[in-house]
All heavy atoms as atom14 arrays in JSON, in Angstrom:
{
  "sequence": "KLAHVTFNKLTQVVRLVSDHGMRLFFFKKRGIINPRLVITNEYGIQI",
  "atom14_mask": [
    [1, 1, 1, 1, 1, 1, 1, 1, 1, 0, 0, 0, 0, 0],
    [1, 1, 1, 1, 1, 1, 1, 1, 0, 0, 0, 0, 0, 0],
    [1, 1, 1, 1, 1, 0, 0, 0, 0, 0, 0, 0, 0, 0],
    [1, 1, 1, 1, 1, 1, 1, 1, 1, 1, 0, 0, 0, 0],
    [1, 1, 1, 1, 1, 1, 1, 0, 0, 0, 0, 0, 0, 0],
    [1, 1, 1, 1, 1, 1, 1, 0, 0, 0, 0, 0, 0, 0],
    [1, 1, 1, 1, 1, 1, 1, 1, 1, 1, 1, 0, 0, 0],
    [1, 1, 1, 1, 1, 1, 1, 1, 0, 0, 0, 0, 0, 0],
    [1, 1, 1, 1, 1, 1, 1, 1, 1, 0, 0, 0, 0, 0],
    [1, 1, 1, 1, 1, 1, 1, 1, 0, 0, 0, 0, 0, 0],
    [1, 1, 1, 1, 1, 1, 1, 0, 0, 0, 0, 0, 0, 0],
    [1, 1, 1, 1, 1, 1, 1, 1, 1, 0, 0, 0, 0, 0],
    [1, 1, 1, 1, 1, 1, 1, 0, 0, 0, 0, 0, 0, 0],
    [1, 1, 1, 1, 1, 1, 1, 0, 0, 0, 0, 0, 0, 0],
    [1, 1, 1, 1, 1, 1, 1, 1, 1, 1, 1, 0, 0, 0],
    [1, 1, 1, 1, 1, 1, 1, 1, 0, 0, 0, 0, 0, 0],
    [1, 1, 1, 1, 1, 1, 1, 0, 0, 0, 0, 0, 0, 0],
    [1, 1, 1, 1, 1, 1, 0, 0, 0, 0, 0, 0, 0, 0],
    [1, 1, 1, 1, 1, 1, 1, 1, 0, 0, 0, 0, 0, 0],
    [1, 1, 1, 1, 1, 1, 1, 1, 1, 1, 0, 0, 0, 0],
    [1, 1, 1, 1, 0, 0, 0, 0, 0, 0, 0, 0, 0, 0],
    [1, 1, 1, 1, 1, 1, 1, 1, 0, 0, 0, 0, 0, 0],
    [1, 1, 1, 1, 1, 1, 1, 1, 1, 1, 1, 0, 0, 0],
    [1, 1, 1, 1, 1, 1, 1, 1, 0, 0, 0, 0, 0, 0],
    [1, 1, 1, 1, 1, 1, 1, 1, 1, 1, 1, 0, 0, 0],
    [1, 1, 1, 1, 1, 1, 1, 1, 1, 1, 1, 0, 0, 0],
    [1, 1, 1, 1, 1, 1, 1, 1, 1, 1, 1, 0, 0, 0],
    [1, 1, 1, 1, 1, 1, 1, 1, 1, 0, 0, 0, 0, 0],
    [1, 1, 1, 1, 1, 1, 1, 1, 1, 0, 0, 0, 0, 0],
    [1, 1, 1, 1, 1, 1, 1, 1, 1, 1, 1, 0, 0, 0],
    [1, 1, 1, 1, 0, 0, 0, 0, 0, 0, 0, 0, 0, 0],
    [1, 1, 1, 1, 1, 1, 1, 1, 0, 0, 0, 0, 0, 0],
    [1, 1, 1, 1, 1, 1, 1, 1, 0, 0, 0, 0, 0, 0],
    [1, 1, 1, 1, 1, 1, 1, 1, 0, 0, 0, 0, 0, 0],
    [1, 1, 1, 1, 1, 1, 1, 0, 0, 0, 0, 0, 0, 0],
    [1, 1, 1, 1, 1, 1, 1, 1, 1, 1, 1, 0, 0, 0],
    [1, 1, 1, 1, 1, 1, 1, 1, 0, 0, 0, 0, 0, 0],
    [1, 1, 1, 1, 1, 1, 1, 0, 0, 0, 0, 0, 0, 0],
    [1, 1, 1, 1, 1, 1, 1, 1, 0, 0, 0, 0, 0, 0],
    [1, 1, 1, 1, 1, 1, 1, 0, 0, 0, 0, 0, 0, 0],
    [1, 1, 1, 1, 1, 1, 1, 1, 0, 0, 0, 0, 0, 0],
    [1, 1, 1, 1, 1, 1, 1, 1, 1, 0, 0, 0, 0, 0],
    [1, 1, 1, 1, 1, 1, 1, 1, 1, 1, 1, 1, 0, 0],
    [1, 1, 1, 1, 0, 0, 0, 0, 0, 0, 0, 0, 0, 0],
    [1, 1, 1, 1, 1, 1, 1, 1, 0, 0, 0, 0, 0, 0],
    [1, 1, 1, 1, 1, 1, 1, 1, 1, 0, 0, 0, 0, 0],
    [1, 1, 1, 1, 1, 1, 1, 1, 0, 0, 0, 0, 0, 0]
  ],
  "atom14_positions": [
    [[-20.59, 106.04, -232.08], [-20.01, 106.26, -230.76], [-20.51, 105.15, -229.84], [-21.71, 104.98, -229.65], [-20.44, 107.63, -230.25], [-19.88, 108.0, -228.91], [-20.31, 109.43, -228.61], [-20.13, 109.84, -227.22], [-20.6, 111.21, -227.0], [0.0, 0.0, 0.0], [0.0, 0.0, 0.0], [0.0, 0.0, 0.0], [0.0, 0.0, 0.0], [0.0, 0.0, 0.0]],
    [[-19.56, 104.39, -229.28], [-19.93, 103.27, -228.42], [-20.02, 103.65, -226.96], [-20.88, 103.16, -226.24], [-18.92, 102.14, -228.58], [-18.75, 101.56, -229.98], [-17.65, 100.51, -229.99], [-20.06, 100.99, -230.48], [0.0, 0.0, 0.0], [0.0, 0.0, 0.0], [0.0, 0.0, 0.0], [0.0, 0.0, 0.0], [0.0, 0.0, 0.0], [0.0, 0.0, 0.0]],
    [[-19.1, 104.52, -226.51], [-19.05, 104.81, -225.08], [-18.24, 106.07, -224.82], [-17.55, 106.58, -225.69], [-18.44, 103.64, -224.33], [0.0, 0.0, 0.0], [0.0, 0.0, 0.0], [0.0, 0.0, 0.0], [0.0, 0.0, 0.0], [0.0, 0.0, 0.0], [0.0, 0.0, 0.0], [0.0, 0.0, 0.0], [0.0, 0.0, 0.0], [0.0, 0.0, 0.0]],
    [[-18.33, 106.54, -223.57], [-17.62, 107.73, -223.12], [-16.95, 107.4, -221.78], [-17.55, 106.76, -220.92], [-18.62, 108.88, -222.93], [-17.98, 110.15, -222.52], [-17.53, 111.08, -223.43], [-17.72, 110.67, -221.31], [-17.02, 112.11, -222.79], [-17.12, 111.88, -221.49], [0.0, 0.0, 0.0], [0.0, 0.0, 0.0], [0.0, 0.0, 0.0], [0.0, 0.0, 0.0]],
    [[-15.69, 107.82, -221.62], [-14.91, 107.56, -220.41], [-14.37, 108.87, -219.88], [-13.84, 109.68, -220.64], [-13.71, 106.63, -220.7], [-12.9, 106.4, -219.45], [-14.16, 105.33, -221.28], [0.0, 0.0, 0.0], [0.0, 0.0, 0.0], [0.0, 0.0, 0.0], [0.0, 0.0, 0.0], [0.0, 0.0, 0.0], [0.0, 0.0, 0.0], [0.0, 0.0, 0.0]],
    [[-14.49, 109.09, -218.57], [-13.86, 110.23, -217.91], [-12.98, 109.68, -216.8], [-13.41, 108.85, -216.0], [-14.91, 111.19, -217.32], [-15.78, 111.61, -218.36], [-14.25, 112.4, -216.7], [0.0, 0.0, 0.0], [0.0, 0.0, 0.0], [0.0, 0.0, 0.0], [0.0, 0.0, 0.0], [0.0, 0.0, 0.0], [0.0, 0.0, 0.0], [0.0, 0.0, 0.0]],
    [[-11.73, 110.16, -216.75], [-10.77, 109.69, -215.77], [-10.25, 110.89, -214.99], [-9.79, 111.86, -215.57], [-9.61, 108.97, -216.47], [-8.5, 108.56, -215.54], [-8.71, 107.59, -214.58], [-7.26, 109.14, -215.63], [-7.69, 107.2, -213.72], [-6.22, 108.76, -214.78], [-6.45, 107.79, -213.83], [0.0, 0.0, 0.0], [0.0, 0.0, 0.0], [0.0, 0.0, 0.0]],
    [[-10.33, 110.81, -213.65], [-9.81, 111.86, -212.78], [-8.43, 111.43, -212.3], [-8.3, 110.43, -211.6], [-10.74, 112.11, -211.6], [-10.29, 113.26, -210.76], [-9.22, 113.24, -210.16], [-11.12, 114.3, -210.7], [0.0, 0.0, 0.0], [0.0, 0.0, 0.0], [0.0, 0.0, 0.0], [0.0, 0.0, 0.0], [0.0, 0.0, 0.0], [0.0, 0.0, 0.0]],
    [[-7.41, 112.19, -212.67], [-6.03, 111.82, -212.34], [-5.76, 111.86, -210.84], [-5.0, 111.05, -210.33], [-5.07, 112.78, -213.04], [-5.12, 112.72, -214.53], [-4.22, 113.8, -215.11], [-4.49, 114.03, -216.56], [-3.7, 115.13, -217.11], [0.0, 0.0, 0.0], [0.0, 0.0, 0.0], [0.0, 0.0, 0.0], [0.0, 0.0, 0.0], [0.0, 0.0, 0.0]],
    [[-6.37, 112.78, -210.14], [-6.11, 112.94, -208.71], [-6.74, 111.82, -207.88], [-6.11, 111.21, -207.04], [-6.59, 114.31, -208.24], [-6.35, 114.65, -206.78], [-4.85, 114.72, -206.49], [-7.0, 115.98, -206.43], [0.0, 0.0, 0.0], [0.0, 0.0, 0.0], [0.0, 0.0, 0.0], [0.0, 0.0, 0.0], [0.0, 0.0, 0.0], [0.0, 0.0, 0.0]],
    [[-8.01, 111.56, -208.12], [-8.74, 110.58, -207.32], [-8.68, 109.16, -207.88], [-9.11, 108.23, -207.2], [-10.23, 110.99, -207.2], [-10.79, 111.02, -208.51], [-10.37, 112.33, -206.52], [0.0, 0.0, 0.0], [0.0, 0.0, 0.0], [0.0, 0.0, 0.0], [0.0, 0.0, 0.0], [0.0, 0.0, 0.0], [0.0, 0.0, 0.0], [0.0, 0.0, 0.0]],
    [[-8.19, 109.0, -209.13], [-8.14, 107.7, -209.79], [-9.53, 107.1, -209.95], [-9.73, 105.89, -209.83], [-7.23, 106.73, -209.01], [-5.79, 107.19, -208.9], [-5.05, 107.08, -210.22], [-4.87, 106.0, -210.73], [-4.66, 108.21, -210.77], [0.0, 0.0, 0.0], [0.0, 0.0, 0.0], [0.0, 0.0, 0.0], [0.0, 0.0, 0.0], [0.0, 0.0, 0.0]],
    [[-10.52, 107.97, -210.24], [-11.89, 107.54, -210.46], [-12.17, 107.51, -211.96], [-11.81, 108.42, -212.69], [-12.89, 108.5, -209.77], [-14.32, 108.14, -210.11], [-12.69, 108.47, -208.27], [0.0, 0.0, 0.0], [0.0, 0.0, 0.0], [0.0, 0.0, 0.0], [0.0, 0.0, 0.0], [0.0, 0.0, 0.0], [0.0, 0.0, 0.0], [0.0, 0.0, 0.0]],
    [[-12.81, 106.43, -212.4], [-13.16, 106.25, -213.8], [-14.68, 106.22, -213.9], [-15.34, 105.45, -213.2], [-12.59, 104.93, -214.36], [-12.96, 104.77, -215.82], [-11.09, 104.87, -214.16], [0.0, 0.0, 0.0], [0.0, 0.0, 0.0], [0.0, 0.0, 0.0], [0.0, 0.0, 0.0], [0.0, 0.0, 0.0], [0.0, 0.0, 0.0], [0.0, 0.0, 0.0]],
    [[-15.24, 107.06, -214.78], [-16.68, 107.08, -215.02], [-16.91, 106.6, -216.43], [-16.41, 107.18, -217.39], [-17.22, 108.49, -214.86], [-18.71, 108.58, -215.07], [-19.21, 109.99, -214.79], [-20.63, 110.07, -214.97], [-21.23, 110.8, -215.9], [-20.52, 111.55, -216.72], [-22.53, 110.79, -216.02], [0.0, 0.0, 0.0], [0.0, 0.0, 0.0], [0.0, 0.0, 0.0]],
    [[-17.68, 105.51, -216.57], [-17.98, 104.92, -217.87], [-19.45, 105.13, -218.18], [-20.31, 104.88, -217.34], [-17.69, 103.42, -217.85], [-16.32, 102.98, -217.34], [-16.23, 101.47, -217.34], [-15.22, 103.58, -218.17], [0.0, 0.0, 0.0], [0.0, 0.0, 0.0], [0.0, 0.0, 0.0], [0.0, 0.0, 0.0], [0.0, 0.0, 0.0], [0.0, 0.0, 0.0]],
    [[-19.72, 105.57, -219.42], [-21.1, 105.81, -219.83], [-21.31, 105.18, -221.21], [-20.52, 105.4, -222.13], [-21.42, 107.32, -219.91], [-22.85, 107.55, -220.37], [-21.16, 108.01, -218.58], [0.0, 0.0, 0.0], [0.0, 0.0, 0.0], [0.0, 0.0, 0.0], [0.0, 0.0, 0.0], [0.0, 0.0, 0.0], [0.0, 0.0, 0.0], [0.0, 0.0, 0.0]],
    [[-22.38, 104.4, -221.32], [-22.79, 103.85, -222.61], [-24.3, 103.63, -222.55], [-24.94, 103.93, -221.54], [-22.05, 102.55, -222.92], [-22.6, 101.48, -222.19], [0.0, 0.0, 0.0], [0.0, 0.0, 0.0], [0.0, 0.0, 0.0], [0.0, 0.0, 0.0], [0.0, 0.0, 0.0], [0.0, 0.0, 0.0], [0.0, 0.0, 0.0], [0.0, 0.0, 0.0]],
    [[-24.86, 103.07, -223.61], [-26.28, 102.73, -223.59], [-26.6, 101.66, -222.55], [-27.75, 101.45, -222.21], [-26.74, 102.23, -224.96], [-26.99, 103.37, -225.92], [-26.99, 104.53, -225.49], [-27.18, 103.09, -227.12], [0.0, 0.0, 0.0], [0.0, 0.0, 0.0], [0.0, 0.0, 0.0], [0.0, 0.0, 0.0], [0.0, 0.0, 0.0], [0.0, 0.0, 0.0]],
    [[-25.58, 101.01, -222.05], [-25.76, 99.94, -221.07], [-25.72, 100.44, -219.64], [-25.79, 99.65, -218.72], [-24.7, 98.87, -221.29], [-24.68, 98.38, -222.7], [-25.67, 97.6, -223.24], [-23.81, 98.6, -223.7], [-25.41, 97.35, -224.49], [-24.28, 97.95, -224.8], [0.0, 0.0, 0.0], [0.0, 0.0, 0.0], [0.0, 0.0, 0.0], [0.0, 0.0, 0.0]],
    [[-25.58, 101.75, -219.48], [-25.6, 102.31, -218.15], [-24.36, 103.13, -217.85], [-23.48, 103.31, -218.68], [0.0, 0.0, 0.0], [0.0, 0.0, 0.0], [0.0, 0.0, 0.0], [0.0, 0.0, 0.0], [0.0, 0.0, 0.0], [0.0, 0.0, 0.0], [0.0, 0.0, 0.0], [0.0, 0.0, 0.0], [0.0, 0.0, 0.0], [0.0, 0.0, 0.0]],
    [[-24.35, 103.62, -216.62], [-23.21, 104.39, -216.12], [-22.6, 103.62, -214.96], [-23.32, 103.04, -214.15], [-23.67, 105.77, -215.63], [-24.13, 106.67, -216.73], [-24.51, 108.32, -216.15], [-26.12, 108.06, -215.43], [0.0, 0.0, 0.0], [0.0, 0.0, 0.0], [0.0, 0.0, 0.0], [0.0, 0.0, 0.0], [0.0, 0.0, 0.0], [0.0, 0.0, 0.0]],
    [[-21.27, 103.63, -214.9], [-20.58, 102.95, -213.81], [-19.44, 103.82, -213.33], [-18.85, 104.57, -214.1], [-19.99, 101.61, -214.28], [-20.98, 100.56, -214.73], [-21.76, 99.92, -213.6], [-20.97, 99.4, -212.5], [-20.54, 98.17, -212.37], [-20.8, 97.27, -213.29], [-19.83, 97.8, -211.32], [0.0, 0.0, 0.0], [0.0, 0.0, 0.0], [0.0, 0.0, 0.0]],
    [[-19.13, 103.69, -212.05], [-17.95, 104.31, -211.47], [-17.02, 103.21, -210.99], [-17.47, 102.24, -210.38], [-18.33, 105.18, -210.26], [-18.92, 106.54, -210.52], [-19.28, 107.22, -209.2], [-17.99, 107.42, -211.31], [0.0, 0.0, 0.0], [0.0, 0.0, 0.0], [0.0, 0.0, 0.0], [0.0, 0.0, 0.0], [0.0, 0.0, 0.0], [0.0, 0.0, 0.0]],
    [[-15.75, 103.38, -211.28], [-14.75, 102.45, -210.82], [-13.62, 103.24, -210.19], [-13.36, 104.38, -210.56], [-14.2, 101.61, -211.98], [-15.22, 100.71, -212.61], [-15.85, 101.08, -213.79], [-15.55, 99.5, -212.03], [-16.79, 100.25, -214.38], [-16.49, 98.67, -212.61], [-17.11, 99.05, -213.79], [0.0, 0.0, 0.0], [0.0, 0.0, 0.0], [0.0, 0.0, 0.0]],
    [[-12.95, 102.61, -209.23], [-11.84, 103.24, -208.54], [-10.61, 102.36, -208.69], [-10.7, 101.14, -208.53], [-12.17, 103.42, -207.05], [-13.38, 104.26, -206.82], [-14.66, 103.69, -206.83], [-13.27, 105.62, -206.59], [-15.79, 104.47, -206.62], [-14.39, 106.4, -206.38], [-15.65, 105.83, -206.4], [0.0, 0.0, 0.0], [0.0, 0.0, 0.0], [0.0, 0.0, 0.0]],
    [[-9.47, 102.98, -208.97], [-8.2, 102.26, -209.06], [-7.42, 102.46, -207.78], [-7.33, 103.56, -207.26], [-7.34, 102.79, -210.21], [-7.84, 102.45, -211.58], [-7.8, 103.39, -212.59], [-8.33, 101.19, -211.89], [-8.23, 103.09, -213.87], [-8.77, 100.88, -213.15], [-8.72, 101.83, -214.15], [0.0, 0.0, 0.0], [0.0, 0.0, 0.0], [0.0, 0.0, 0.0]],
    [[-6.83, 101.37, -207.28], [-5.93, 101.43, -206.13], [-4.64, 100.74, -206.52], [-4.67, 99.57, -206.93], [-6.56, 100.75, -204.92], [-7.82, 101.43, -204.44], [-8.45, 100.69, -203.28], [-9.74, 101.37, -202.89], [-10.45, 100.67, -201.83], [0.0, 0.0, 0.0], [0.0, 0.0, 0.0], [0.0, 0.0, 0.0], [0.0, 0.0, 0.0], [0.0, 0.0, 0.0]],
    [[-3.54, 101.45, -206.4], [-2.24, 100.89, -206.78], [-1.76, 99.93, -205.7], [-1.84, 100.22, -204.51], [-1.22, 102.0, -206.98], [-1.57, 102.92, -208.12], [-0.57, 104.06, -208.21], [-1.13, 105.12, -209.13], [-0.37, 106.34, -209.07], [0.0, 0.0, 0.0], [0.0, 0.0, 0.0], [0.0, 0.0, 0.0], [0.0, 0.0, 0.0], [0.0, 0.0, 0.0]],
    [[-1.22, 98.8, -206.14], [-0.67, 97.79, -205.24], [0.63, 97.27, -205.83], [0.79, 97.2, -207.04], [-1.64, 96.62, -205.04], [-2.96, 97.0, -204.42], [-2.78, 97.35, -202.95], [-4.04, 97.56, -202.3], [-4.55, 98.74, -201.99], [-3.91, 99.83, -202.31], [-5.7, 98.85, -201.38], [0.0, 0.0, 0.0], [0.0, 0.0, 0.0], [0.0, 0.0, 0.0]],
    [[1.55, 96.85, -204.95], [2.78, 96.2, -205.38], [3.89, 97.15, -205.76], [3.64, 98.2, -206.32], [0.0, 0.0, 0.0], [0.0, 0.0, 0.0], [0.0, 0.0, 0.0], [0.0, 0.0, 0.0], [0.0, 0.0, 0.0], [0.0, 0.0, 0.0], [0.0, 0.0, 0.0], [0.0, 0.0, 0.0], [0.0, 0.0, 0.0], [0.0, 0.0, 0.0]],
    [[5.09, 96.77, -205.41], [6.26, 97.56, -205.76], [7.05, 96.85, -206.86], [7.35, 97.43, -207.89], [7.14, 97.81, -204.53], [6.38, 98.65, -203.51], [8.45, 98.48, -204.93], [7.07, 98.78, -202.18], [0.0, 0.0, 0.0], [0.0, 0.0, 0.0], [0.0, 0.0, 0.0], [0.0, 0.0, 0.0], [0.0, 0.0, 0.0], [0.0, 0.0, 0.0]],
    [[7.35, 95.59, -206.64], [8.12, 94.83, -207.62], [7.26, 94.5, -208.83], [7.69, 94.62, -209.96], [8.69, 93.55, -206.99], [9.69, 93.94, -205.89], [9.34, 92.67, -208.03], [10.17, 92.78, -205.06], [0.0, 0.0, 0.0], [0.0, 0.0, 0.0], [0.0, 0.0, 0.0], [0.0, 0.0, 0.0], [0.0, 0.0, 0.0], [0.0, 0.0, 0.0]],
    [[6.04, 94.08, -208.58], [5.11, 93.76, -209.66], [3.89, 94.68, -209.52], [2.88, 94.3, -208.94], [4.69, 92.28, -209.58], [3.85, 91.87, -210.76], [3.89, 92.48, -211.82], [3.07, 90.81, -210.57], [0.0, 0.0, 0.0], [0.0, 0.0, 0.0], [0.0, 0.0, 0.0], [0.0, 0.0, 0.0], [0.0, 0.0, 0.0], [0.0, 0.0, 0.0]],
    [[3.98, 95.92, -210.04], [2.88, 96.87, -209.86], [1.6, 96.41, -210.55], [1.63, 95.81, -211.62], [3.41, 98.16, -210.48], [4.52, 97.77, -211.35], [5.05, 96.47, -210.84], [0.0, 0.0, 0.0], [0.0, 0.0, 0.0], [0.0, 0.0, 0.0], [0.0, 0.0, 0.0], [0.0, 0.0, 0.0], [0.0, 0.0, 0.0], [0.0, 0.0, 0.0]],
    [[0.49, 96.66, -209.89], [-0.82, 96.3, -210.43], [-1.85, 97.29, -209.9], [-1.59, 98.04, -208.97], [-1.18, 94.87, -210.07], [-1.35, 94.63, -208.6], [-1.48, 93.14, -208.29], [-1.59, 92.9, -206.87], [-0.59, 92.91, -206.01], [0.63, 93.17, -206.41], [-0.79, 92.68, -204.73], [0.0, 0.0, 0.0], [0.0, 0.0, 0.0], [0.0, 0.0, 0.0]],
    [[-3.01, 97.26, -210.5], [-4.12, 98.09, -210.05], [-5.25, 97.18, -209.59], [-5.61, 96.22, -210.28], [-4.64, 98.98, -211.18], [-3.74, 100.11, -211.64], [-4.36, 100.82, -212.85], [-3.51, 101.1, -210.53], [0.0, 0.0, 0.0], [0.0, 0.0, 0.0], [0.0, 0.0, 0.0], [0.0, 0.0, 0.0], [0.0, 0.0, 0.0], [0.0, 0.0, 0.0]],
    [[-5.8, 97.48, -208.44], [-7.0, 96.8, -207.96], [-8.17, 97.69, -208.34], [-8.12, 98.91, -208.2], [-6.93, 96.6, -206.43], [-8.25, 96.07, -205.89], [-5.79, 95.67, -206.08], [0.0, 0.0, 0.0], [0.0, 0.0, 0.0], [0.0, 0.0, 0.0], [0.0, 0.0, 0.0], [0.0, 0.0, 0.0], [0.0, 0.0, 0.0], [0.0, 0.0, 0.0]],
    [[-9.23, 97.08, -208.86], [-10.4, 97.82, -209.32], [-11.55, 97.57, -208.36], [-11.9, 96.41, -208.1], [-10.8, 97.38, -210.74], [-9.61, 97.54, -211.69], [-12.0, 98.17, -211.23], [-9.78, 96.81, -213.01], [0.0, 0.0, 0.0], [0.0, 0.0, 0.0], [0.0, 0.0, 0.0], [0.0, 0.0, 0.0], [0.0, 0.0, 0.0], [0.0, 0.0, 0.0]],
    [[-12.13, 98.65, -207.82], [-13.31, 98.53, -206.97], [-14.48, 99.24, -207.64], [-14.29, 100.15, -208.46], [-13.08, 99.11, -205.56], [-12.72, 100.48, -205.68], [-11.96, 98.37, -204.85], [0.0, 0.0, 0.0], [0.0, 0.0, 0.0], [0.0, 0.0, 0.0], [0.0, 0.0, 0.0], [0.0, 0.0, 0.0], [0.0, 0.0, 0.0], [0.0, 0.0, 0.0]],
    [[-15.68, 98.83, -207.28], [-16.86, 99.46, -207.87], [-17.35, 100.62, -207.02], [-16.68, 101.05, -206.08], [-17.97, 98.42, -208.1], [-18.51, 97.84, -206.81], [-18.21, 98.3, -205.71], [-19.33, 96.81, -206.93], [0.0, 0.0, 0.0], [0.0, 0.0, 0.0], [0.0, 0.0, 0.0], [0.0, 0.0, 0.0], [0.0, 0.0, 0.0], [0.0, 0.0, 0.0]],
    [[-18.54, 101.11, -207.32], [-19.13, 102.26, -206.64], [-19.3, 102.05, -205.15], [-19.34, 102.99, -204.37], [-20.52, 102.57, -207.23], [-20.56, 102.86, -208.7], [-20.82, 101.62, -209.56], [-20.45, 100.5, -209.16], [-21.38, 101.78, -210.65], [0.0, 0.0, 0.0], [0.0, 0.0, 0.0], [0.0, 0.0, 0.0], [0.0, 0.0, 0.0], [0.0, 0.0, 0.0]],
    [[-19.38, 100.78, -204.75], [-19.64, 100.45, -203.35], [-18.39, 100.03, -202.59], [-18.47, 99.58, -201.46], [-20.7, 99.33, -203.29], [-21.93, 99.69, -204.09], [-22.17, 99.08, -205.32], [-22.81, 100.67, -203.66], [-23.28, 99.42, -206.08], [-23.91, 101.02, -204.41], [-24.15, 100.4, -205.62], [-25.23, 100.75, -206.37], [0.0, 0.0, 0.0], [0.0, 0.0, 0.0]],
    [[-17.24, 100.16, -203.23], [-15.98, 99.81, -202.59], [-15.64, 98.33, -202.61], [-14.71, 97.9, -201.94], [0.0, 0.0, 0.0], [0.0, 0.0, 0.0], [0.0, 0.0, 0.0], [0.0, 0.0, 0.0], [0.0, 0.0, 0.0], [0.0, 0.0, 0.0], [0.0, 0.0, 0.0], [0.0, 0.0, 0.0], [0.0, 0.0, 0.0], [0.0, 0.0, 0.0]],
    [[-16.37, 97.56, -203.38], [-16.15, 96.12, -203.47], [-15.16, 95.83, -204.6], [-15.34, 96.32, -205.72], [-17.47, 95.37, -203.72], [-18.43, 95.63, -202.55], [-17.23, 93.89, -203.94], [-19.83, 95.15, -202.79], [0.0, 0.0, 0.0], [0.0, 0.0, 0.0], [0.0, 0.0, 0.0], [0.0, 0.0, 0.0], [0.0, 0.0, 0.0], [0.0, 0.0, 0.0]],
    [[-14.14, 95.04, -204.3], [-13.17, 94.7, -205.34], [-13.82, 93.81, -206.38], [-14.38, 92.77, -206.06], [-11.96, 93.98, -204.75], [-10.92, 93.66, -205.79], [-9.67, 93.01, -205.24], [-9.35, 93.19, -204.07], [-8.97, 92.27, -206.07], [0.0, 0.0, 0.0], [0.0, 0.0, 0.0], [0.0, 0.0, 0.0], [0.0, 0.0, 0.0], [0.0, 0.0, 0.0]],
    [[-13.74, 94.26, -207.65], [-14.35, 93.49, -208.73], [-13.34, 93.07, -209.79], [-13.71, 92.39, -210.74], [-15.49, 94.28, -209.39], [-14.95, 95.59, -209.93], [-16.62, 94.51, -208.42], [-15.85, 96.21, -210.96], [0.0, 0.0, 0.0], [0.0, 0.0, 0.0], [0.0, 0.0, 0.0], [0.0, 0.0, 0.0], [0.0, 0.0, 0.0], [0.0, 0.0, 0.0]]
  ]
}
């Protein structure tokens, strides 16, 4: 087992867990013609 991922459909929050640590990421939808996701970290910084 390499890692574990939990995704909340309502809040678009992703929790990643592995031996390398735990991280939270947030998805924000952008674009209508060319849809994309912007990824921010636990502190709201786009990464």
